[in-house]
């Protein structure tokens, strides 16, 4: 799973639906924040600088539950 940080609002839906524990929601890393366009930085800031990360991406089985659950459509399943 790949998270589009410009869209993600850190609402935790992906964490709740993932049966494999792939996701975590936490403060955005400084480098990721700086890489965002200006309007996306503002959006992330408004949402408490929270975003989803995939620390256990190797556990993903491409079930797609996260893609469906994400209200911002910020998750995409990408073949490695």
Protein backbone atom coordinates (compact mmCIF):
# COMPACT_ATOMS: atom_id res chain seq x y z
CA UNK A 1 0.00 0.00 0.00
CA UNK A 2 1.16 3.53 -0.84
CA UNK A 3 -0.25 6.48 1.10
CA UNK A 4 -0.64 9.80 -0.68
CA UNK A 5 0.30 12.20 2.13
CA UNK A 6 -1.22 15.15 0.27
CA UNK A 7 -4.63 13.48 0.62
CA UNK A 8 -4.34 11.59 3.93
CA UNK A 9 -6.05 13.23 6.91
CA UNK A 10 -4.96 10.63 9.47
CA UNK A 11 -8.49 9.51 10.31
CA UNK A 12 -7.36 6.00 11.31
CA UNK A 13 -9.83 4.08 9.10
CA UNK A 14 -6.99 2.12 7.48
CA UNK A 15 -5.66 1.07 10.89
CA UNK A 16 -9.09 -0.11 11.99
CA UNK A 17 -9.86 -2.24 8.92
CA UNK A 18 -6.46 -3.76 8.17
CA UNK A 19 -6.41 -7.39 9.38
CA UNK A 20 -2.62 -7.53 8.96
CA UNK A 21 -1.60 -4.54 11.10
CA UNK A 22 0.14 -2.80 8.20
CA UNK A 23 -0.80 0.78 9.12
CA UNK A 24 -0.15 3.27 11.90
CA UNK A 25 -1.28 6.89 12.15
CA UNK A 26 1.19 9.34 13.66
CA UNK A 27 2.73 12.77 13.19
CA UNK A 28 4.08 13.28 9.71
CA UNK A 29 7.87 13.13 9.41
CA UNK A 30 9.51 16.51 8.81
CA UNK A 31 10.96 15.41 5.46
CA UNK A 32 7.57 14.16 4.24
CA UNK A 33 5.91 17.38 5.37
CA UNK A 34 8.48 19.54 3.58
CA UNK A 35 8.00 17.56 0.36
CA UNK A 36 4.28 18.44 0.21
CA UNK A 37 2.89 21.26 -1.93
CA UNK A 38 1.81 24.38 -0.01
CA UNK A 39 -1.93 23.62 0.02
CA UNK A 40 -1.31 20.04 1.12
CA UNK A 41 0.91 21.30 3.97
CA UNK A 42 -1.96 23.47 5.13
CA UNK A 43 -4.41 20.56 4.96
CA UNK A 44 -2.06 18.28 6.91
CA UNK A 45 -1.46 21.02 9.48
CA UNK A 46 -5.23 21.56 9.93
CA UNK A 47 -5.62 17.84 10.65
CA UNK A 48 -3.01 17.91 13.41
CA UNK A 49 -0.11 16.83 11.18
CA UNK A 50 -1.39 13.25 11.39
CA UNK A 51 -0.90 10.83 8.52
CA UNK A 52 -0.83 7.10 7.88
CA UNK A 53 2.40 5.17 7.53
CA UNK A 54 2.96 1.53 6.56
CA UNK A 55 5.68 0.23 8.90
CA UNK A 56 4.60 -3.36 8.24
CA UNK A 57 4.03 -3.09 4.49
CA UNK A 58 5.57 -6.54 4.00
CA UNK A 59 2.60 -8.02 5.88
CA UNK A 60 0.14 -6.63 3.31
CA UNK A 61 -1.83 -9.26 1.38
CA UNK A 62 -3.51 -6.77 -1.01
CA UNK A 63 -7.01 -7.40 0.30
CA UNK A 64 -7.98 -3.81 -0.54
CA UNK A 65 -9.94 -3.12 2.65
CA UNK A 66 -7.81 -0.04 3.34
CA UNK A 67 -8.44 1.37 -0.13
CA UNK A 68 -12.19 1.03 0.31
CA UNK A 69 -12.18 2.36 3.90
CA UNK A 70 -10.10 5.49 3.26
CA UNK A 71 -12.52 8.45 3.03
CA UNK A 72 -9.90 10.58 1.25
CA UNK A 73 -8.99 7.90 -1.31
CA UNK A 74 -5.37 8.37 -0.21
CA UNK A 75 -4.31 4.70 -0.42
CA UNK A 76 -3.32 2.82 -3.51
CA UNK A 77 -2.13 -0.76 -3.83
CA UNK A 78 1.01 -0.82 -5.95
CA UNK A 79 2.82 -3.90 -7.17
CA UNK A 80 6.44 -3.99 -6.04
